[in-house]
Amino acid sequence: MNPYDFIIAGAGLSGLSLALHMINSPLRDRSILIVDKDAKQQNDRTWCFWEEQPTLFDEIAYRVWHRLRFVSDDFTREFDLAPYRYQMIRGIDFYNFTREKLAQCATVTFVRGNIDRVEDGTDQA
């Protein structure tokens, strides 16, 4: 078995986001193994979040809101959200985008499988 500098358990939002940030950092030359039991080939979820700064995921935002409107029977008011924006990213767009970016990095390996346990060693897990 090949030793890896980092092993990421799970190819969901956290795991793929972490890996993408790693290859865009000084850690870009370190080897990364990503293990997940699922191929992530369907739109199984949606993420929404507030943001003030540009992110690595802006180009895949499915919807972005810059204004907010409150409406009731006797009241309507619209608010500018600046400097914030509310973004929505579909799961399938996120999976495809991150996998494409990570596949361009020779130091990243994907494996389908389960991680049953992690054992601590003196200088590795």
Protein backbone atom coordinates (compact mmCIF):
# COMPACT_ATOMS: atom_id res chain seq x y z
CA MET A 1 0.00 0.00 0.00
CA ASN A 2 1.21 3.48 -0.87
CA PRO A 3 1.68 5.87 2.03
CA TYR A 4 -0.21 9.15 1.70
CA ASP A 5 0.49 12.45 3.39
CA PHE A 6 -3.24 12.93 4.02
CA ILE A 7 -6.21 10.57 3.96
CA ILE A 8 -9.65 12.16 3.83
CA ALA A 9 -12.52 9.97 5.04
CA GLY A 10 -15.52 11.00 2.98
CA ALA A 11 -16.06 12.80 -0.33
CA GLY A 12 -18.90 15.03 0.81
CA LEU A 13 -18.90 18.79 1.31
CA SER A 14 -16.24 18.78 4.03
CA GLY A 15 -13.87 16.26 2.47
CA LEU A 16 -13.95 17.60 -1.08
CA SER A 17 -13.84 21.21 0.07
CA LEU A 18 -10.83 20.46 2.29
CA ALA A 19 -9.03 18.68 -0.56
CA LEU A 20 -9.74 21.52 -3.00
CA HIS A 21 -8.43 24.09 -0.54
CA MET A 22 -5.34 21.91 0.06
CA ILE A 23 -4.41 21.76 -3.64
CA ASN A 24 -4.77 25.56 -3.77
CA SER A 25 -2.39 26.03 -0.84
CA PRO A 26 1.26 25.37 0.00
CA LEU A 27 0.17 21.72 0.54
CA ARG A 28 -0.55 21.26 -3.19
CA ASP A 29 2.38 18.86 -3.71
CA ARG A 30 1.44 16.54 -0.85
CA SER A 31 -0.30 13.24 -1.63
CA ILE A 32 -3.99 13.00 -0.75
CA LEU A 33 -6.18 9.88 -0.67
CA ILE A 34 -9.95 10.45 -0.60
CA VAL A 35 -12.07 7.46 0.42
CA ASP A 36 -15.86 7.32 0.10
CA LYS A 37 -18.33 4.48 -0.32
CA ASP A 38 -20.52 6.52 -2.71
CA ALA A 39 -19.68 7.71 -6.23
CA LYS A 40 -21.53 11.03 -5.62
CA GLN A 41 -23.20 11.01 -9.04
CA GLN A 42 -26.61 12.40 -8.12
CA ASN A 43 -28.04 15.60 -6.72
CA ASP A 44 -28.57 14.30 -3.19
CA ARG A 45 -28.52 17.64 -1.36
CA THR A 46 -28.27 21.41 -1.62
CA TRP A 47 -26.12 23.80 0.40
CA CYS A 48 -26.99 27.42 1.14
CA PHE A 49 -24.78 29.89 2.93
CA TRP A 50 -24.06 33.55 3.57
CA GLU A 51 -20.81 34.93 2.18
CA GLU A 52 -19.05 38.25 2.17
CA GLN A 53 -15.87 37.34 0.27
CA PRO A 54 -15.33 35.46 -3.01
CA THR A 55 -15.01 31.67 -2.63
CA LEU A 56 -13.62 28.82 -4.71
CA PHE A 57 -17.23 27.84 -5.43
CA ASP A 58 -18.73 31.09 -6.76
CA GLU A 59 -18.79 29.84 -10.37
CA ILE A 60 -21.06 26.91 -9.47
CA ALA A 61 -23.59 28.87 -7.43
CA TYR A 62 -26.99 27.81 -8.74
CA ARG A 63 -28.68 30.86 -7.25
CA VAL A 64 -27.35 34.02 -5.58
CA TRP A 65 -29.45 36.56 -3.71
CA HIS A 66 -28.31 40.14 -3.08
CA ARG A 67 -31.66 41.44 -1.81
CA LEU A 68 -34.21 40.23 0.72
CA ARG A 69 -37.93 41.00 0.65
CA PHE A 70 -40.36 40.74 3.59
CA VAL A 71 -44.00 40.61 2.56
CA SER A 72 -47.18 40.40 4.66
CA ASP A 73 -50.78 41.56 4.28
CA ASP A 74 -49.98 45.11 5.38
CA PHE A 75 -46.22 45.38 5.05
CA THR A 76 -43.66 44.99 2.27
CA ARG A 77 -40.04 45.95 2.51
CA GLU A 78 -36.94 45.11 0.52
CA PHE A 79 -33.41 45.09 1.94
CA ASP A 80 -30.03 45.19 0.25
CA LEU A 81 -27.87 42.43 1.76
CA ALA A 82 -24.54 44.09 0.88
CA PRO A 83 -21.83 43.36 1.70
CA TYR A 84 -23.27 39.84 2.06
CA ARG A 85 -24.91 37.55 -0.44
CA TYR A 86 -26.85 34.35 0.06
CA GLN A 87 -25.75 31.52 -2.24
CA MET A 88 -27.16 28.12 -3.13
CA ILE A 89 -25.04 25.28 -4.52
CA ARG A 90 -26.58 22.04 -5.76
CA GLY A 91 -24.81 18.88 -4.60
CA ILE A 92 -24.25 17.46 -8.09
CA ASP A 93 -22.67 20.72 -9.28
CA PHE A 94 -20.36 20.71 -6.25
CA TYR A 95 -19.36 17.05 -6.72
CA ASN A 96 -18.67 17.47 -10.44
CA PHE A 97 -16.75 20.73 -9.98
CA THR A 98 -14.51 19.52 -7.16
CA ARG A 99 -13.85 16.12 -8.73
CA GLU A 100 -12.87 17.79 -12.01
CA LYS A 101 -10.46 20.17 -10.24
CA LEU A 102 -9.01 17.42 -8.03
CA ALA A 103 -8.59 15.04 -11.00
CA GLN A 104 -6.23 17.59 -12.57
CA CYS A 105 -3.90 17.19 -9.60
CA ALA A 106 -1.63 14.13 -9.90
CA THR A 107 -1.17 13.93 -6.13
CA VAL A 108 -4.88 13.24 -5.44
CA THR A 109 -6.25 9.69 -5.51
CA PHE A 110 -9.90 8.63 -5.14
CA VAL A 111 -10.90 5.21 -3.81
CA ARG A 112 -14.41 3.85 -3.34
CA GLY A 113 -14.69 2.01 -0.08
CA ASN A 114 -15.45 2.16 3.63
CA ILE A 115 -13.22 3.29 6.44
CA ASP A 116 -13.98 1.04 9.40
CA ARG A 117 -11.53 2.55 11.86
CA VAL A 118 -8.50 4.81 12.24
CA GLU A 119 -5.64 3.71 14.47
CA ASP A 120 -3.15 6.16 15.90
CA GLY A 121 0.55 5.38 15.56
CA THR A 122 3.56 7.18 16.96
CA ASP A 123 4.08 9.28 13.83
CA GLN A 124 1.12 8.37 11.61
CA ALA A 125 -2.43 7.06 11.68
